[in-house]
Amino acid sequence: MVKVVTDSTADIPPRLAEELDITMVPVYVRFGDRVYHDGIDITQDEFYRKLTTSPVLPSTSQPTPADFASVYQKVAEKTDEVVSLHLSRKTSGTYDSALRGREMTAPSCRIEVIDSESVSIGLGLITIAAARVAKAGESLQAVLNEAKSAVQQTRIFGLLDTLKYLHLGGRLGKAKALLGSLLNVKPLLAMKEGEIVPAGLARTRNRGLDRLSEFVHETLNVQELGIVYSTGAAEAASFKERIGAFLSSDRIYLSRLGPALGAHGGPGTLLLALRSKAEQLKNISLPSLSGTKSARE
């Protein structure tokens, strides 16, 4: 049976990851001289407490090739076919580490490494789709086909309180264009072709949530949706309930943003990802969330 591997930035709800037998490779988080494994030796509550109180901002780094090789070798004890999905190579070196880790692994195990062109729960939805096909006992090619289709079918958007953490962490990409406009507004970001890009501005956080809700409501044939938050648990739960008015709750996942990406999004981050048929998403452009209207409201 094909086994699925991803990294800890996927923000998949732990119970679902266990149910689908998804193996996680932890990303590193550093506070000063202390280095932690994302999701292993630092809790989310402890991380966000440190993020808001520590005089030293955290930094993150991808798993090493040796980390991947170690995981692949363990997984190879149970299978000879692995699909390994990771966050966009334009935002992290994790994908390249996975490739190098594959080279260090015994050739008896076939390992396919995929760039999700996404982050967080966007990567999570893609991984979940692939893992479901793998759990059903389908072939490696079937799992690969599902994963590659899911990459094209998945979109992710983010509502942030500030671009401070993304800016300091060097992860802004094309969204740097927003820096000069952020006076009493909330930035909306998206992923496009694996890169973080601006998706508009909202005068208030509530208007930002309205924009995200409108996007979901306008998107046809949504298969699955994920909501990830850093510190606003009550707000995220309320937003899930709001989305549940027009999408079955069993297709909505709610989870918390892990330390590796929380270090770059900061407090108040809320991410929304959805997977729909590719032809439907092609008809919905980023300006549906942006443009001058959102900047005025």
C-alpha atoms as a PDB file:
ATOM      1  CA  MET A   1       0.000   0.000   0.000  1.00  0.00           C
ATOM      2  CA  VAL A   2       1.203   3.500  -0.847  1.00  0.00           C
ATOM      3  CA  LYS A   3       2.207   5.604   2.172  1.00  0.00           C
ATOM      4  CA  VAL A   4       1.823   9.385   2.301  1.00  0.00           C
ATOM      5  CA  VAL A   5       4.325  11.738   3.917  1.00  0.00           C
ATOM      6  CA  THR A   6       4.091  15.492   4.450  1.00  0.00           C
ATOM      7  CA  ASP A   7       5.675  18.107   6.702  1.00  0.00           C
ATOM      8  CA  SER A   8       4.308  19.665   9.859  1.00  0.00           C
ATOM      9  CA  THR A   9       3.313  22.882   8.093  1.00  0.00           C
ATOM     10  CA  ALA A  10       0.300  21.050   6.583  1.00  0.00           C
ATOM     11  CA  ASP A  11      -1.757  21.804   9.738  1.00  0.00           C
ATOM     12  CA  ILE A  12      -3.903  18.690   9.307  1.00  0.00           C
ATOM     13  CA  PRO A  13      -6.095  17.984  12.355  1.00  0.00           C
ATOM     14  CA  PRO A  14      -4.126  15.342  14.332  1.00  0.00           C
ATOM     15  CA  ARG A  15      -7.015  12.874  14.533  1.00  0.00           C
ATOM     16  CA  LEU A  16      -7.491  12.978  10.762  1.00  0.00           C
ATOM     17  CA  ALA A  17      -3.766  12.575  10.107  1.00  0.00           C
ATOM     18  CA  GLU A  18      -3.781   9.482  12.316  1.00  0.00           C
ATOM     19  CA  GLU A  19      -6.910   8.098  10.662  1.00  0.00           C
ATOM     20  CA  LEU A  20      -5.390   8.463   7.179  1.00  0.00           C
ATOM     21  CA  ASP A  21      -1.954   7.196   8.300  1.00  0.00           C
ATOM     22  CA  ILE A  22      -0.166  10.377   7.209  1.00  0.00           C
ATOM     23  CA  THR A  23       3.465  10.637   8.363  1.00  0.00           C
ATOM     24  CA  MET A  24       4.596  14.117   9.436  1.00  0.00           C
ATOM     25  CA  VAL A  25       8.164  15.405   9.204  1.00  0.00           C
ATOM     26  CA  PRO A  26       8.605  18.268  11.703  1.00  0.00           C
ATOM     27  CA  VAL A  27       9.965  21.671  10.733  1.00  0.00           C
ATOM     28  CA  TYR A  28      12.381  23.397  13.135  1.00  0.00           C
ATOM     29  CA  VAL A  29      11.485  26.485  15.169  1.00  0.00           C
ATOM     30  CA  ARG A  30      14.203  28.494  16.927  1.00  0.00           C
ATOM     31  CA  PHE A  31      13.869  30.980  19.775  1.00  0.00           C
ATOM     32  CA  GLY A  32      17.348  32.332  20.399  1.00  0.00           C
ATOM     33  CA  ASP A  33      19.514  29.326  21.299  1.00  0.00           C
ATOM     34  CA  ARG A  34      16.586  26.960  21.780  1.00  0.00           C
ATOM     35  CA  VAL A  35      15.534  24.814  18.839  1.00  0.00           C
ATOM     36  CA  TYR A  36      12.198  22.984  18.823  1.00  0.00           C
ATOM     37  CA  HIS A  37      10.567  20.404  16.574  1.00  0.00           C
ATOM     38  CA  ASP A  38       7.243  21.757  15.311  1.00  0.00           C
ATOM     39  CA  GLY A  39       4.415  19.826  16.927  1.00  0.00           C
ATOM     40  CA  ILE A  40       6.691  17.638  19.057  1.00  0.00           C
ATOM     41  CA  ASP A  41       8.525  19.450  21.837  1.00  0.00           C
ATOM     42  CA  ILE A  42       6.688  22.774  21.949  1.00  0.00           C
ATOM     43  CA  THR A  43       2.942  23.145  22.364  1.00  0.00           C
ATOM     44  CA  GLN A  44       0.983  25.645  20.320  1.00  0.00           C
ATOM     45  CA  ASP A  45      -0.028  27.574  23.439  1.00  0.00           C
ATOM     46  CA  GLU A  46       3.603  27.791  24.564  1.00  0.00           C
ATOM     47  CA  PHE A  47       4.729  28.896  21.122  1.00  0.00           C
ATOM     48  CA  TYR A  48       2.235  31.754  20.819  1.00  0.00           C
ATOM     49  CA  ARG A  49       2.977  32.870  24.366  1.00  0.00           C
ATOM     50  CA  LYS A  50       6.666  33.057  23.458  1.00  0.00           C
ATOM     51  CA  LEU A  51       5.875  34.773  20.169  1.00  0.00           C
ATOM     52  CA  THR A  52       4.064  37.624  21.916  1.00  0.00           C
ATOM     53  CA  THR A  53       6.338  37.970  24.965  1.00  0.00           C
ATOM     54  CA  SER A  54       9.852  36.985  23.923  1.00  0.00           C
ATOM     55  CA  PRO A  55      12.230  39.832  22.987  1.00  0.00           C
ATOM     56  CA  VAL A  56      13.635  37.489  20.328  1.00  0.00           C
ATOM     57  CA  LEU A  57      11.476  36.727  17.310  1.00  0.00           C
ATOM     58  CA  PRO A  58      11.491  33.068  16.265  1.00  0.00           C
ATOM     59  CA  SER A  59      13.030  31.757  13.082  1.00  0.00           C
ATOM     60  CA  THR A  60      12.213  28.559  11.235  1.00  0.00           C
ATOM     61  CA  SER A  61      14.132  26.102   9.089  1.00  0.00           C
ATOM     62  CA  GLN A  62      13.189  23.135   6.977  1.00  0.00           C
ATOM     63  CA  PRO A  63      13.867  19.521   7.975  1.00  0.00           C
ATOM     64  CA  THR A  64      17.301  18.373   6.864  1.00  0.00           C
ATOM     65  CA  PRO A  65      17.820  15.812   4.095  1.00  0.00           C
ATOM     66  CA  ALA A  66      18.903  13.414   6.848  1.00  0.00           C
ATOM     67  CA  ASP A  67      15.571  13.975   8.619  1.00  0.00           C
ATOM     68  CA  PHE A  68      13.710  13.024   5.469  1.00  0.00           C
ATOM     69  CA  ALA A  69      15.966  10.051   4.803  1.00  0.00           C
ATOM     70  CA  SER A  70      15.317   8.764   8.330  1.00  0.00           C
ATOM     71  CA  VAL A  71      11.542   9.079   7.888  1.00  0.00           C
ATOM     72  CA  TYR A  72      11.620   7.486   4.446  1.00  0.00           C
ATOM     73  CA  GLN A  73      13.631   4.549   5.729  1.00  0.00           C
ATOM     74  CA  LYS A  74      11.142   3.934   8.529  1.00  0.00           C
ATOM     75  CA  VAL A  75       8.178   4.189   6.160  1.00  0.00           C
ATOM     76  CA  ALA A  76       9.985   1.854   3.729  1.00  0.00           C
ATOM     77  CA  GLU A  77       9.759  -0.885   6.355  1.00  0.00           C
ATOM     78  CA  LYS A  78       6.016  -0.970   5.645  1.00  0.00           C
ATOM     79  CA  THR A  79       5.872  -0.178   1.924  1.00  0.00           C
ATOM     80  CA  ASP A  80       7.948   0.210  -1.214  1.00  0.00           C
ATOM     81  CA  GLU A  81       5.940   3.176  -2.567  1.00  0.00           C
ATOM     82  CA  VAL A  82       5.796   6.638  -0.978  1.00  0.00           C
ATOM     83  CA  VAL A  83       4.229   9.937  -2.030  1.00  0.00           C
ATOM     84  CA  SER A  84       5.759  12.899  -0.192  1.00  0.00           C
ATOM     85  CA  LEU A  85       3.955  16.255  -0.411  1.00  0.00           C
ATOM     86  CA  HIS A  86       5.387  19.545   0.824  1.00  0.00           C
ATOM     87  CA  LEU A  87       4.875  23.274   1.022  1.00  0.00           C
ATOM     88  CA  SER A  88       5.724  25.462  -1.943  1.00  0.00           C
ATOM     89  CA  ARG A  89       9.395  25.448  -2.872  1.00  0.00           C
ATOM     90  CA  LYS A  90       9.054  29.205  -3.539  1.00  0.00           C
ATOM     91  CA  THR A  91       8.494  29.792   0.187  1.00  0.00           C
ATOM     92  CA  SER A  92      10.722  27.128   1.758  1.00  0.00           C
ATOM     93  CA  GLY A  93      13.593  24.732   1.109  1.00  0.00           C
ATOM     94  CA  THR A  94      11.575  21.810   2.495  1.00  0.00           C
ATOM     95  CA  TYR A  95      10.782  20.386  -0.950  1.00  0.00           C
ATOM     96  CA  ASP A  96      14.454  20.403  -1.930  1.00  0.00           C
ATOM     97  CA  SER A  97      15.408  18.756   1.371  1.00  0.00           C
ATOM     98  CA  ALA A  98      12.895  16.026   0.625  1.00  0.00           C
ATOM     99  CA  LEU A  99      14.469  15.467  -2.797  1.00  0.00           C
ATOM    100  CA  ARG A 100      17.918  15.164  -1.255  1.00  0.00           C
ATOM    101  CA  GLY A 101      16.568  12.889   1.458  1.00  0.00           C
ATOM    102  CA  ARG A 102      15.168  10.636  -1.237  1.00  0.00           C
ATOM    103  CA  GLU A 103      18.627  10.352  -2.770  1.00  0.00           C
ATOM    104  CA  MET A 104      19.957   9.144   0.592  1.00  0.00           C
ATOM    105  CA  THR A 105      17.311   6.427   0.914  1.00  0.00           C
ATOM    106  CA  ALA A 106      17.723   2.839  -0.211  1.00  0.00           C
ATOM    107  CA  PRO A 107      16.607   2.518  -3.866  1.00  0.00           C
ATOM    108  CA  SER A 108      14.289  -0.387  -3.019  1.00  0.00           C
ATOM    109  CA  CYS A 109      11.593   2.170  -2.099  1.00  0.00           C
ATOM    110  CA  ARG A 110      10.100   4.367  -4.815  1.00  0.00           C
ATOM    111  CA  ILE A 111       9.545   7.881  -3.473  1.00  0.00           C
ATOM    112  CA  GLU A 112       7.676  10.556  -5.408  1.00  0.00           C
ATOM    113  CA  VAL A 113       8.101  14.127  -4.067  1.00  0.00           C
ATOM    114  CA  ILE A 114       5.460  16.722  -4.970  1.00  0.00           C
ATOM    115  CA  ASP A 115       5.504  20.511  -4.628  1.00  0.00           C
ATOM    116  CA  SER A 116       2.012  21.448  -3.408  1.00  0.00           C
ATOM    117  CA  GLU A 117       2.453  25.085  -4.504  1.00  0.00           C
ATOM    118  CA  SER A 118       0.617  25.891  -1.269  1.00  0.00           C
ATOM    119  CA  VAL A 119       1.109  26.184   2.482  1.00  0.00           C
ATOM    120  CA  SER A 120      -0.650  25.243   5.709  1.00  0.00           C
ATOM    121  CA  ILE A 121      -4.132  23.793   5.280  1.00  0.00           C
ATOM    122  CA  GLY A 122      -3.824  24.263   1.494  1.00  0.00           C
ATOM    123  CA  LEU A 123      -1.047  21.669   1.607  1.00  0.00           C
ATOM    124  CA  GLY A 124      -3.195  19.812   4.124  1.00  0.00           C
ATOM    125  CA  LEU A 125      -6.171  19.459   1.768  1.00  0.00           C
ATOM    126  CA  ILE A 126      -3.906  18.195  -1.009  1.00  0.00           C
ATOM    127  CA  THR A 127      -2.303  15.670   1.333  1.00  0.00           C
ATOM    128  CA  ILE A 128      -5.681  14.515   2.651  1.00  0.00           C
ATOM    129  CA  ALA A 129      -6.919  13.916  -0.903  1.00  0.00           C
ATOM    130  CA  ALA A 130      -3.864  11.815  -1.745  1.00  0.00           C
ATOM    131  CA  ALA A 131      -4.003   9.903   1.554  1.00  0.00           C
ATOM    132  CA  ARG A 132      -7.631   8.924   1.028  1.00  0.00           C
ATOM    133  CA  VAL A 133      -6.782   7.329  -2.312  1.00  0.00           C
ATOM    134  CA  ALA A 134      -3.778   5.584  -0.750  1.00  0.00           C
ATOM    135  CA  LYS A 135      -5.866   4.244   2.134  1.00  0.00           C
ATOM    136  CA  ALA A 136      -8.351   2.838  -0.376  1.00  0.00           C
ATOM    137  CA  GLY A 137      -5.537   0.645  -1.674  1.00  0.00           C
ATOM    138  CA  GLU A 138      -5.193   2.344  -5.044  1.00  0.00           C
ATOM    139  CA  SER A 139      -1.989   2.272  -7.105  1.00  0.00           C
ATOM    140  CA  LEU A 140       0.892   4.701  -6.812  1.00  0.00           C
ATOM    141  CA  GLN A 141      -0.125   6.282 -10.097  1.00  0.00           C
ATOM    142  CA  ALA A 142      -3.674   6.798  -8.834  1.00  0.00           C
ATOM    143  CA  VAL A 143      -2.358   8.529  -5.698  1.00  0.00           C
ATOM    144  CA  LEU A 144      -0.059  10.717  -7.802  1.00  0.00           C
ATOM    145  CA  ASN A 145      -2.888  11.639 -10.146  1.00  0.00           C
ATOM    146  CA  GLU A 146      -5.129  12.609  -7.227  1.00  0.00           C
ATOM    147  CA  ALA A 147      -2.371  14.663  -5.620  1.00  0.00           C
ATOM    148  CA  LYS A 148      -1.558  16.535  -8.828  1.00  0.00           C
ATOM    149  CA  SER A 149      -5.239  17.216  -9.494  1.00  0.00           C
ATOM    150  CA  ALA A 150      -5.662  18.489  -5.933  1.00  0.00           C
ATOM    151  CA  VAL A 151      -2.764  20.928  -6.433  1.00  0.00           C
ATOM    152  CA  GLN A 152      -4.700  22.504  -9.295  1.00  0.00           C
ATOM    153  CA  GLN A 153      -8.007  22.383  -7.422  1.00  0.00           C
ATOM    154  CA  THR A 154      -6.848  24.026  -4.187  1.00  0.00           C
ATOM    155  CA  ARG A 155      -6.718  27.711  -3.308  1.00  0.00           C
ATOM    156  CA  ILE A 156      -5.680  29.309  -0.036  1.00  0.00           C
ATOM    157  CA  PHE A 157      -6.263  32.814   1.327  1.00  0.00           C
ATOM    158  CA  GLY A 158      -5.147  34.481   4.511  1.00  0.00           C
ATOM    159  CA  LEU A 159      -6.431  37.294   6.704  1.00  0.00           C
ATOM    160  CA  LEU A 160      -3.684  38.795   8.855  1.00  0.00           C
ATOM    161  CA  ASP A 161      -3.651  41.421  11.553  1.00  0.00           C
ATOM    162  CA  THR A 162      -0.221  42.577  10.399  1.00  0.00           C
ATOM    163  CA  LEU A 163       2.449  41.850   7.804  1.00  0.00           C
ATOM    164  CA  LYS A 164       5.154  42.411  10.420  1.00  0.00           C
ATOM    165  CA  TYR A 165       6.032  38.747  10.921  1.00  0.00           C
ATOM    166  CA  LEU A 166       5.954  37.825   7.237  1.00  0.00           C
ATOM    167  CA  HIS A 167       8.127  40.834   6.462  1.00  0.00           C
ATOM    168  CA  LEU A 168      10.699  40.070   9.141  1.00  0.00           C
ATOM    169  CA  GLY A 169      10.771  36.424   8.113  1.00  0.00           C
ATOM    170  CA  GLY A 170      11.383  37.280   4.458  1.00  0.00           C
ATOM    171  CA  ARG A 171       8.253  35.448   3.254  1.00  0.00           C
ATOM    172  CA  LEU A 172       6.280  38.309   1.713  1.00  0.00           C
ATOM    173  CA  GLY A 173       7.161  37.709  -1.941  1.00  0.00           C
ATOM    174  CA  LYS A 174       4.994  39.816  -4.252  1.00  0.00           C
ATOM    175  CA  ALA A 175       2.871  40.871  -1.283  1.00  0.00           C
ATOM    176  CA  LYS A 176       5.587  43.412  -0.408  1.00  0.00           C
ATOM    177  CA  ALA A 177       3.498  45.811  -2.497  1.00  0.00           C
ATOM    178  CA  LEU A 178       1.045  46.007   0.394  1.00  0.00           C
ATOM    179  CA  LEU A 179       3.558  47.284   2.945  1.00  0.00           C
ATOM    180  CA  GLY A 180       3.101  50.939   2.082  1.00  0.00           C
ATOM    181  CA  SER A 181      -0.694  50.719   2.306  1.00  0.00           C
ATOM    182  CA  LEU A 182      -1.190  49.223   5.739  1.00  0.00           C
ATOM    183  CA  LEU A 183      -2.588  52.039   7.838  1.00  0.00           C
ATOM    184  CA  ASN A 184      -5.522  50.770   9.887  1.00  0.00           C
ATOM    185  CA  VAL A 185      -6.382  48.064   7.346  1.00  0.00           C
ATOM    186  CA  LYS A 186      -6.203  44.278   7.361  1.00  0.00           C
ATOM    187  CA  PRO A 187      -4.237  42.539   4.599  1.00  0.00           C
ATOM    188  CA  LEU A 188      -5.686  39.681   2.567  1.00  0.00           C
ATOM    189  CA  LEU A 189      -3.142  37.373   0.968  1.00  0.00           C
ATOM    190  CA  ALA A 190      -3.305  34.429  -1.419  1.00  0.00           C
ATOM    191  CA  MET A 191      -1.045  31.844  -2.994  1.00  0.00           C
ATOM    192  CA  LYS A 192      -0.604  32.032  -6.755  1.00  0.00           C
ATOM    193  CA  GLU A 193       1.720  29.633  -8.548  1.00  0.00           C
ATOM    194  CA  GLY A 194       3.350  28.823  -5.225  1.00  0.00           C
ATOM    195  CA  GLU A 195       4.045  32.403  -4.202  1.00  0.00           C
ATOM    196  CA  ILE A 196       2.402  34.699  -1.657  1.00  0.00           C
ATOM    197  CA  VAL A 197       0.592  37.536  -3.447  1.00  0.00           C
ATOM    198  CA  PRO A 198      -1.694  40.375  -2.306  1.00  0.00           C
ATOM    199  CA  ALA A 199      -5.413  39.661  -2.517  1.00  0.00           C
ATOM    200  CA  GLY A 200      -6.727  42.972  -1.195  1.00  0.00           C
ATOM    201  CA  LEU A 201      -7.221  45.110   1.872  1.00  0.00           C
ATOM    202  CA  ALA A 202     -10.148  45.359   4.272  1.00  0.00           C
ATOM    203  CA  ARG A 203     -10.878  48.294   6.555  1.00  0.00           C
ATOM    204  CA  THR A 204     -11.875  46.005   9.395  1.00  0.00           C
ATOM    205  CA  ARG A 205     -11.331  42.398  10.331  1.00  0.00           C
ATOM    206  CA  ASN A 206     -15.034  41.694   9.960  1.00  0.00           C
ATOM    207  CA  ARG A 207     -14.947  42.939   6.379  1.00  0.00           C
ATOM    208  CA  GLY A 208     -11.991  40.673   5.741  1.00  0.00           C
ATOM    209  CA  LEU A 209     -13.985  37.713   7.024  1.00  0.00           C
ATOM    210  CA  ASP A 210     -16.885  38.815   4.828  1.00  0.00           C
ATOM    211  CA  ARG A 211     -14.591  38.676   1.798  1.00  0.00           C
ATOM    212  CA  LEU A 212     -13.457  35.146   2.605  1.00  0.00           C
ATOM    213  CA  SER A 213     -17.032  34.039   3.176  1.00  0.00           C
ATOM    214  CA  GLU A 214     -18.136  35.593  -0.115  1.00  0.00           C
ATOM    215  CA  PHE A 215     -15.410  33.747  -1.971  1.00  0.00           C
ATOM    216  CA  VAL A 216     -16.535  30.392  -0.582  1.00  0.00           C
ATOM    217  CA  HIS A 217     -20.165  31.173  -1.330  1.00  0.00           C
ATOM    218  CA  GLU A 218     -19.319  32.053  -4.951  1.00  0.00           C
ATOM    219  CA  THR A 219     -17.215  28.949  -5.551  1.00  0.00           C
ATOM    220  CA  LEU A 220     -19.099  26.005  -7.024  1.00  0.00           C
ATOM    221  CA  ASN A 221     -18.566  22.320  -6.245  1.00  0.00           C
ATOM    222  CA  VAL A 222     -16.437  22.805  -3.125  1.00  0.00           C
ATOM    223  CA  GLN A 223     -15.221  19.354  -2.118  1.00  0.00           C
ATOM    224  CA  GLU A 224     -13.445  20.220   1.116  1.00  0.00           C
ATOM    225  CA  LEU A 225     -12.529  23.321   3.070  1.00  0.00           C
ATOM    226  CA  GLY A 226     -10.071  24.036   5.849  1.00  0.00           C
ATOM    227  CA  ILE A 227      -9.906  26.881   8.366  1.00  0.00           C
ATOM    228  CA  VAL A 228      -6.723  27.437  10.360  1.00  0.00           C
ATOM    229  CA  TYR A 229      -6.174  30.042  13.060  1.00  0.00           C
ATOM    230  CA  SER A 230      -3.233  31.122  15.178  1.00  0.00           C
ATOM    231  CA  THR A 231      -4.775  32.701  18.291  1.00  0.00           C
ATOM    232  CA  GLY A 232      -8.466  33.417  17.631  1.00  0.00           C
ATOM    233  CA  ALA A 233     -10.127  30.103  18.481  1.00  0.00           C
ATOM    234  CA  ALA A 234     -13.573  31.576  19.128  1.00  0.00           C
ATOM    235  CA  GLU A 235     -13.481  33.651  15.946  1.00  0.00           C
ATOM    236  CA  ALA A 236     -12.430  30.608  13.880  1.00  0.00           C
ATOM    237  CA  ALA A 237     -15.210  28.474  15.367  1.00  0.00           C
ATOM    238  CA  SER A 238     -17.740  31.199  14.600  1.00  0.00           C
ATOM    239  CA  PHE A 239     -16.410  31.510  11.063  1.00  0.00           C
ATOM    240  CA  LYS A 240     -16.709  27.740  10.583  1.00  0.00           C
ATOM    241  CA  GLU A 241     -20.342  27.946  11.697  1.00  0.00           C
ATOM    242  CA  ARG A 242     -20.900  30.776   9.240  1.00  0.00           C
ATOM    243  CA  ILE A 243     -19.448  28.757   6.353  1.00  0.00           C
ATOM    244  CA  GLY A 244     -21.529  25.796   7.502  1.00  0.00           C
ATOM    245  CA  ALA A 245     -24.646  27.686   6.422  1.00  0.00           C
ATOM    246  CA  PHE A 246     -23.850  26.812   2.799  1.00  0.00           C
ATOM    247  CA  LEU A 247     -21.384  23.909   3.065  1.00  0.00           C
ATOM    248  CA  SER A 248     -21.843  20.626   4.921  1.00  0.00           C
ATOM    249  CA  SER A 249     -19.929  20.712   8.213  1.00  0.00           C
ATOM    250  CA  ASP A 250     -18.401  17.276   7.593  1.00  0.00           C
ATOM    251  CA  ARG A 251     -16.476  18.825   4.713  1.00  0.00           C
ATOM    252  CA  ILE A 252     -15.020  21.632   6.849  1.00  0.00           C
ATOM    253  CA  TYR A 253     -11.838  21.096   8.867  1.00  0.00           C
ATOM    254  CA  LEU A 254     -10.796  23.377  11.702  1.00  0.00           C
ATOM    255  CA  SER A 255      -7.267  23.308  13.066  1.00  0.00           C
ATOM    256  CA  ARG A 256      -4.629  25.519  14.598  1.00  0.00           C
ATOM    257  CA  LEU A 257      -1.729  27.098  12.764  1.00  0.00           C
ATOM    258  CA  GLY A 258       1.434  25.340  13.867  1.00  0.00           C
ATOM    259  CA  PRO A 259       4.578  27.109  15.080  1.00  0.00           C
ATOM    260  CA  ALA A 260       6.487  26.856  11.789  1.00  0.00           C
ATOM    261  CA  LEU A 261       3.980  29.034   9.936  1.00  0.00           C
ATOM    262  CA  GLY A 262       2.673  30.830  13.021  1.00  0.00           C
ATOM    263  CA  ALA A 263       6.117  32.391  13.291  1.00  0.00           C
ATOM    264  CA  HIS A 264       5.514  34.126   9.959  1.00  0.00           C
ATOM    265  CA  GLY A 265       1.789  34.878  10.214  1.00  0.00           C
ATOM    266  CA  GLY A 266       1.795  36.016  13.809  1.00  0.00           C
ATOM    267  CA  PRO A 267      -1.148  36.422  16.219  1.00  0.00           C
ATOM    268  CA  GLY A 268      -4.520  37.017  14.608  1.00  0.00           C
ATOM    269  CA  THR A 269      -3.820  34.968  11.484  1.00  0.00           C
ATOM    270  CA  LEU A 270      -6.752  33.128   9.913  1.00  0.00           C
ATOM    271  CA  LEU A 271      -6.281  31.000   6.795  1.00  0.00           C
ATOM    272  CA  LEU A 272      -8.944  29.555   4.532  1.00  0.00           C
ATOM    273  CA  ALA A 273      -8.289  26.886   1.916  1.00  0.00           C
ATOM    274  CA  LEU A 274     -10.744  25.107  -0.323  1.00  0.00           C
ATOM    275  CA  ARG A 275     -10.578  22.383  -2.923  1.00  0.00           C
ATOM    276  CA  SER A 276     -12.953  22.542  -5.856  1.00  0.00           C
ATOM    277  CA  LYS A 277     -13.031  21.336  -9.441  1.00  0.00           C
ATOM    278  CA  ALA A 278     -10.211  22.972 -11.370  1.00  0.00           C
ATOM    279  CA  GLU A 279     -12.469  24.295 -14.092  1.00  0.00           C
ATOM    280  CA  GLN A 280     -14.552  26.103 -11.484  1.00  0.00           C
ATOM    281  CA  LEU A 281     -11.566  27.764  -9.840  1.00  0.00           C
ATOM    282  CA  LYS A 282     -10.252  28.956 -13.188  1.00  0.00           C
ATOM    283  CA  ASN A 283     -13.376  31.090 -13.474  1.00  0.00           C
ATOM    284  CA  ILE A 284     -12.751  32.850 -10.154  1.00  0.00           C
ATOM    285  CA  SER A 285      -9.885  35.341 -10.194  1.00  0.00           C
ATOM    286  CA  LEU A 286      -8.109  36.938  -7.277  1.00  0.00           C
ATOM    287  CA  PRO A 287      -9.799  40.334  -7.836  1.00  0.00           C
ATOM    288  CA  SER A 288     -13.002  38.782  -6.460  1.00  0.00           C
ATOM    289  CA  LEU A 289     -11.310  39.218  -3.103  1.00  0.00           C
ATOM    290  CA  SER A 290      -9.429  42.394  -3.844  1.00  0.00           C
ATOM    291  CA  GLY A 291      -9.641  45.572  -5.870  1.00  0.00           C
ATOM    292  CA  THR A 292     -10.511  49.047  -4.701  1.00  0.00           C
ATOM    293  CA  LYS A 293     -13.798  48.024  -3.149  1.00  0.00           C
ATOM    294  CA  SER A 294     -12.201  45.992  -0.362  1.00  0.00           C
ATOM    295  CA  ALA A 295      -9.742  48.763   0.329  1.00  0.00           C
ATOM    296  CA  ARG A 296     -12.564  51.244   0.916  1.00  0.00           C
ATOM    297  CA  GLU A 297     -14.695  49.093   3.213  1.00  0.00           C
END
